[in-house]
């Protein structure tokens, strides 16, 4: 996939303390999705949030309403979350995706599978304290196989969320054995802001992944940076043929002022074009994913 895929990561678990433009309600998320699509995004990724407080929500109705509103205003590829460390069982993690799939107007296009079982250890940037004693993200191989099957059953496409080179090696094995389909889109996680689970948010952190990238498989990669700016790595991603997953869900981007998600997407699209890459449309991404 030569054209640049931009995945707008709209909100994650992030509050509004650092940037008031983080969307919470279905209306706000849909409005952001439309603006990001116009700015060059082909994917929108969101977490359901309480419309009033912004608290993380697992309400399946919120997921469905948000997806419906996004589809009403734009053609972006829809990528909801899959529960992170919130739930333990497949049924719990997949409940909102099943509910979304009941109606073509709300169905998810892509479902993320995190190919790692990892500690969610956090080094507090202010105090230096090491936190997260009991936080772990558990994704056994058996659970991942079930999630991949459920994803295909609802007519969506799985996306591999990679946390380390170990995740990458597991993805390659799952692609080679047919557990995951080809062509395939994966996102490489860089983590900053105290989160220790991913590769560092630097070109060196990216290159540690790419040293082991399976060139013989029909698979392409995007990069996100949770807790820090992806902009210092942007040129390396674009020039190496990768894709970009970015938004206020990961970082406030004060170097851009007080940007909206669409402002961030527009800056990425502008940078890509200046380096000779056009951005992909949702239909171009859908066509590529369906070309197996």
Protein backbone atom coordinates (compact mmCIF):
# COMPACT_ATOMS: atom_id res chain seq x y z
CA UNK A 1 0.00 0.00 0.00
CA UNK A 2 2.01 2.96 -1.30
CA UNK A 3 -0.37 5.79 -0.44
CA UNK A 4 -0.21 6.92 3.16
CA UNK A 5 -2.86 5.52 5.51
CA UNK A 6 -3.67 7.96 8.31
CA UNK A 7 -5.48 6.50 11.32
CA UNK A 8 -6.96 9.30 13.45
CA UNK A 9 -6.77 8.12 17.07
CA UNK A 10 -9.46 10.38 18.44
CA UNK A 11 -9.66 9.91 22.19
CA UNK A 12 -8.32 6.71 23.81
CA UNK A 13 -8.55 7.14 27.63
CA UNK A 14 -7.35 10.73 27.49
CA UNK A 15 -8.91 13.62 29.42
CA UNK A 16 -9.12 17.28 28.43
CA UNK A 17 -6.62 18.69 30.89
CA UNK A 18 -3.88 19.09 28.28
CA UNK A 19 -6.13 19.75 25.29
CA UNK A 20 -9.86 20.61 25.47
CA UNK A 21 -10.52 19.24 21.97
CA UNK A 22 -10.57 15.55 22.95
CA UNK A 23 -14.02 14.25 21.85
CA UNK A 24 -16.23 12.35 24.30
CA UNK A 25 -19.83 12.11 23.07
CA UNK A 26 -20.98 10.29 19.92
CA UNK A 27 -21.78 13.68 18.38
CA UNK A 28 -18.30 15.03 19.15
CA UNK A 29 -16.58 11.89 17.88
CA UNK A 30 -18.60 11.96 14.64
CA UNK A 31 -17.85 15.63 14.12
CA UNK A 32 -14.15 14.92 14.65
CA UNK A 33 -14.29 11.93 12.32
CA UNK A 34 -15.80 14.02 9.54
CA UNK A 35 -13.18 16.74 9.94
CA UNK A 36 -10.35 14.19 10.07
CA UNK A 37 -11.65 12.51 6.93
CA UNK A 38 -11.68 15.85 5.13
CA UNK A 39 -8.11 16.48 6.35
CA UNK A 40 -6.84 13.18 4.94
CA UNK A 41 -7.58 10.36 7.41
CA UNK A 42 -8.83 7.06 6.04
CA UNK A 43 -9.37 5.38 9.46
CA UNK A 44 -10.97 6.72 12.63
CA UNK A 45 -10.27 4.94 15.91
CA UNK A 46 -12.34 5.68 18.99
CA UNK A 47 -13.19 4.54 22.51
CA UNK A 48 -16.70 5.01 23.86
CA UNK A 49 -16.73 7.70 26.55
CA UNK A 50 -19.43 8.98 28.87
CA UNK A 51 -20.84 12.01 27.02
CA UNK A 52 -20.99 14.13 30.17
CA UNK A 53 -17.95 13.15 32.24
CA UNK A 54 -15.65 11.65 29.63
CA UNK A 55 -15.23 8.50 31.73
CA UNK A 56 -14.31 5.37 29.80
CA UNK A 57 -17.46 3.46 28.92
CA UNK A 58 -18.18 -0.11 27.81
CA UNK A 59 -21.78 0.72 26.87
CA UNK A 60 -22.52 -1.12 23.61
CA UNK A 61 -25.21 1.42 22.75
CA UNK A 62 -22.63 4.21 22.82
CA UNK A 63 -20.40 2.26 20.44
CA UNK A 64 -23.30 1.67 18.06
CA UNK A 65 -24.55 5.24 18.22
CA UNK A 66 -21.07 6.60 17.62
CA UNK A 67 -20.49 4.35 14.64
CA UNK A 68 -23.88 5.24 13.15
CA UNK A 69 -23.18 8.95 13.51
CA UNK A 70 -19.74 8.56 11.91
CA UNK A 71 -21.26 6.71 8.96
CA UNK A 72 -23.89 9.41 8.60
CA UNK A 73 -21.28 12.10 7.98
CA UNK A 74 -18.32 10.40 6.25
CA UNK A 75 -16.95 7.25 4.63
CA UNK A 76 -14.04 6.69 7.03
CA UNK A 77 -12.99 3.15 7.93
CA UNK A 78 -14.25 2.54 11.48
CA UNK A 79 -11.88 1.01 14.04
CA UNK A 80 -13.29 0.74 17.58
CA UNK A 81 -11.22 -0.42 20.51
CA UNK A 82 -11.37 -4.00 21.77
CA UNK A 83 -11.34 -3.46 25.50
CA UNK A 84 -7.63 -3.20 26.35
CA UNK A 85 -7.17 -4.65 29.85
CA UNK A 86 -10.80 -3.97 30.81
CA UNK A 87 -12.16 -7.48 30.14
CA UNK A 88 -10.80 -11.02 30.39
CA UNK A 89 -13.11 -13.10 28.19
CA UNK A 90 -13.70 -13.11 24.45
CA UNK A 91 -17.44 -12.54 24.88
CA UNK A 92 -16.85 -9.51 27.09
CA UNK A 93 -14.24 -7.99 24.81
CA UNK A 94 -16.30 -8.58 21.70
CA UNK A 95 -19.77 -7.62 22.96
CA UNK A 96 -19.78 -4.15 21.41
CA UNK A 97 -18.37 -5.43 18.09
CA UNK A 98 -21.13 -8.05 17.93
CA UNK A 99 -23.73 -5.38 18.66
CA UNK A 100 -22.28 -3.09 16.01
CA UNK A 101 -22.34 -5.93 13.45
CA UNK A 102 -26.08 -6.41 13.87
CA UNK A 103 -26.67 -3.42 11.57
CA UNK A 104 -24.65 -2.56 8.43
CA UNK A 105 -24.96 1.09 9.43
CA UNK A 106 -22.93 0.49 12.59
CA UNK A 107 -20.64 -2.46 11.75
CA UNK A 108 -16.93 -2.07 12.49
CA UNK A 109 -14.61 -2.28 9.49
CA UNK A 110 -11.43 -3.18 11.38
CA UNK A 111 -10.99 -4.85 14.79
CA UNK A 112 -7.67 -4.46 16.66
CA UNK A 113 -5.98 -7.53 18.13
CA UNK A 114 -3.17 -6.77 20.59
CA UNK A 115 -0.55 -9.46 20.03
CA UNK A 116 1.06 -9.26 23.44
CA UNK A 117 0.66 -10.19 27.06
CA UNK A 118 2.49 -7.43 28.89
CA UNK A 119 2.84 -5.49 32.11
CA UNK A 120 1.35 -2.01 31.95
CA UNK A 121 4.08 -0.59 34.14
CA UNK A 122 4.25 3.20 34.37
CA UNK A 123 7.14 5.42 35.52
CA UNK A 124 5.60 8.63 36.82
CA UNK A 125 7.34 11.48 34.98
CA UNK A 126 6.99 13.84 37.97
CA UNK A 127 7.95 11.68 40.93
CA UNK A 128 9.89 8.93 39.21
CA UNK A 129 7.82 6.32 41.05
CA UNK A 130 7.20 2.99 39.34
CA UNK A 131 3.45 2.34 39.27
CA UNK A 132 0.98 -0.23 37.96
CA UNK A 133 1.76 -3.11 40.31
CA UNK A 134 -1.35 -5.07 39.34
CA UNK A 135 -1.88 -3.87 35.77
CA UNK A 136 -1.33 -6.42 33.02
CA UNK A 137 -2.74 -6.88 29.55
CA UNK A 138 -3.40 -10.59 28.94
CA UNK A 139 -3.77 -11.88 25.39
CA UNK A 140 -3.13 -15.61 25.17
CA UNK A 141 -2.70 -17.25 21.78
CA UNK A 142 -5.96 -19.13 22.27
CA UNK A 143 -7.82 -15.90 22.99
CA UNK A 144 -6.27 -14.22 19.95
CA UNK A 145 -7.31 -17.12 17.71
CA UNK A 146 -10.88 -16.80 18.98
CA UNK A 147 -10.87 -13.03 18.43
CA UNK A 148 -9.60 -13.50 14.87
CA UNK A 149 -12.40 -16.00 14.18
CA UNK A 150 -15.03 -13.71 15.68
CA UNK A 151 -13.73 -10.78 13.64
CA UNK A 152 -14.09 -12.71 10.38
CA UNK A 153 -17.53 -13.92 11.43
CA UNK A 154 -18.89 -10.37 11.75
CA UNK A 155 -17.44 -9.35 8.40
CA UNK A 156 -14.63 -7.16 9.72
CA UNK A 157 -10.87 -7.29 9.19
CA UNK A 158 -8.39 -7.86 12.03
CA UNK A 159 -5.55 -5.44 12.64
CA UNK A 160 -2.46 -6.49 14.58
CA UNK A 161 -1.47 -4.07 17.34
CA UNK A 162 2.20 -4.79 18.01
CA UNK A 163 3.95 -3.92 21.26
CA UNK A 164 7.42 -5.34 20.63
CA UNK A 165 9.50 -7.45 18.26
CA UNK A 166 7.98 -10.47 20.00
CA UNK A 167 4.53 -9.29 18.90
CA UNK A 168 5.83 -8.88 15.37
CA UNK A 169 7.18 -12.44 15.28
CA UNK A 170 3.85 -13.75 16.55
CA UNK A 171 2.01 -11.80 13.84
CA UNK A 172 4.25 -13.31 11.16
CA UNK A 173 3.52 -16.82 12.43
CA UNK A 174 -0.22 -16.12 12.55
CA UNK A 175 -0.11 -14.80 8.98
CA UNK A 176 1.94 -17.76 7.74
CA UNK A 177 -0.45 -20.28 9.31
CA UNK A 178 -3.62 -18.51 8.13
CA UNK A 179 -4.84 -17.45 11.57
CA UNK A 180 -4.69 -13.88 10.26
CA UNK A 181 -5.54 -12.95 6.66
CA UNK A 182 -3.34 -11.38 4.02
CA UNK A 183 -3.08 -8.60 3.00
CA UNK A 184 -2.81 -7.31 6.53
CA UNK A 185 -2.43 -3.97 8.28
CA UNK A 186 -0.51 -3.74 11.57
CA UNK A 187 0.34 -0.86 13.89
CA UNK A 188 3.64 -0.63 15.74
CA UNK A 189 3.35 0.81 19.25
CA UNK A 190 5.88 3.32 20.51
CA UNK A 191 5.26 4.47 24.09
CA UNK A 192 6.43 7.52 26.01
CA UNK A 193 5.11 9.60 28.92
CA UNK A 194 6.12 6.95 31.42
CA UNK A 195 4.47 3.89 29.82
CA UNK A 196 7.17 1.22 29.47
CA UNK A 197 5.34 -1.45 27.48
CA UNK A 198 6.27 -0.44 23.92
CA UNK A 199 9.38 0.53 22.03
CA UNK A 200 10.70 4.05 22.77
CA UNK A 201 9.16 6.86 20.73
CA UNK A 202 12.20 7.43 18.52
CA UNK A 203 13.56 6.47 15.12
CA UNK A 204 15.67 3.85 16.90
CA UNK A 205 12.52 2.41 18.48
CA UNK A 206 10.93 2.18 15.04
CA UNK A 207 14.01 0.66 13.43
CA UNK A 208 14.12 -2.07 16.08
CA UNK A 209 10.78 -3.27 14.70
CA UNK A 210 11.74 -2.87 11.06
CA UNK A 211 14.90 -4.94 11.46
CA UNK A 212 12.60 -7.95 11.85
CA UNK A 213 9.79 -6.97 9.49
CA UNK A 214 8.61 -9.99 7.39
CA UNK A 215 9.15 -8.66 3.87
CA UNK A 216 7.89 -11.89 2.28
CA UNK A 217 4.34 -11.43 3.61
CA UNK A 218 1.56 -9.19 2.26
CA UNK A 219 1.55 -6.90 5.26
CA UNK A 220 2.03 -3.19 5.80
CA UNK A 221 2.67 -1.19 8.94
CA UNK A 222 1.63 2.02 10.64
CA UNK A 223 3.11 3.63 13.74
CA UNK A 224 1.56 5.18 16.84
CA UNK A 225 3.18 6.84 19.84
CA UNK A 226 1.15 6.71 23.04
CA UNK A 227 2.17 9.32 25.60
CA UNK A 228 4.45 11.33 23.36
CA UNK A 229 4.78 13.12 20.05
CA UNK A 230 5.00 11.07 16.87
CA UNK A 231 6.18 14.10 14.89
CA UNK A 232 9.95 13.51 15.44
CA UNK A 233 9.54 10.07 13.83
CA UNK A 234 7.18 11.21 11.08
CA UNK A 235 9.71 11.68 8.28
CA UNK A 236 11.26 8.27 8.95
CA UNK A 237 7.83 6.62 8.78
CA UNK A 238 6.89 8.36 5.54
CA UNK A 239 10.24 7.76 3.85
CA UNK A 240 10.33 4.06 4.81
CA UNK A 241 6.88 3.43 3.30
CA UNK A 242 4.99 3.16 6.59
CA UNK A 243 1.72 4.69 7.70
CA UNK A 244 0.67 6.95 10.56
CA UNK A 245 -1.70 6.47 13.52
CA UNK A 246 -1.96 9.72 15.43
CA UNK A 247 -4.31 11.89 17.46
CA UNK A 248 -5.25 13.55 20.71
CA UNK A 249 -5.96 10.17 22.25
CA UNK A 250 -2.21 9.65 22.43
CA UNK A 251 -0.79 13.13 23.04
CA UNK A 252 -1.92 16.75 23.22
CA UNK A 253 0.54 18.02 20.56
CA UNK A 254 1.26 21.41 22.19
CA UNK A 255 3.94 21.99 19.55
CA UNK A 256 1.00 22.61 17.18
CA UNK A 257 -0.72 25.00 19.63
CA UNK A 258 -4.05 23.64 20.85
CA UNK A 259 -4.89 21.51 17.83
CA UNK A 260 -7.95 19.49 16.99
CA UNK A 261 -7.55 15.95 15.71
CA UNK A 262 -8.20 17.28 12.21
CA UNK A 263 -5.39 19.82 12.61
CA UNK A 264 -2.99 17.00 13.47
CA UNK A 265 -4.14 14.88 10.54
CA UNK A 266 -3.80 17.85 8.18
CA UNK A 267 -0.21 18.44 9.33
CA UNK A 268 0.63 14.77 8.64
CA UNK A 269 -1.01 14.85 5.21
CA UNK A 270 0.87 18.03 4.31
CA UNK A 271 4.16 16.52 5.42
CA UNK A 272 3.53 13.34 3.42
CA UNK A 273 2.75 15.26 0.24
CA UNK A 274 5.86 17.37 0.67
CA UNK A 275 7.85 14.11 0.69
CA UNK A 276 6.16 12.66 -2.38
CA UNK A 277 3.37 10.53 -0.91
CA UNK A 278 -0.32 11.08 -1.39
CA UNK A 279 -2.77 10.00 1.31
CA UNK A 280 -5.05 6.99 0.90
CA UNK A 281 -8.82 7.30 0.77
CA UNK A 282 -11.04 4.93 2.77
CA UNK A 283 -12.13 3.18 -0.43
CA UNK A 284 -8.51 2.65 -1.50
CA UNK A 285 -7.74 1.09 1.90
CA UNK A 286 -10.85 -1.11 1.74
CA UNK A 287 -9.91 -2.27 -1.75
CA UNK A 288 -6.39 -3.19 -0.64
CA UNK A 289 -7.60 -5.09 2.43
CA UNK A 290 -10.06 -7.04 0.27
CA UNK A 291 -7.51 -7.93 -2.40
CA UNK A 292 -6.52 -11.27 -0.91
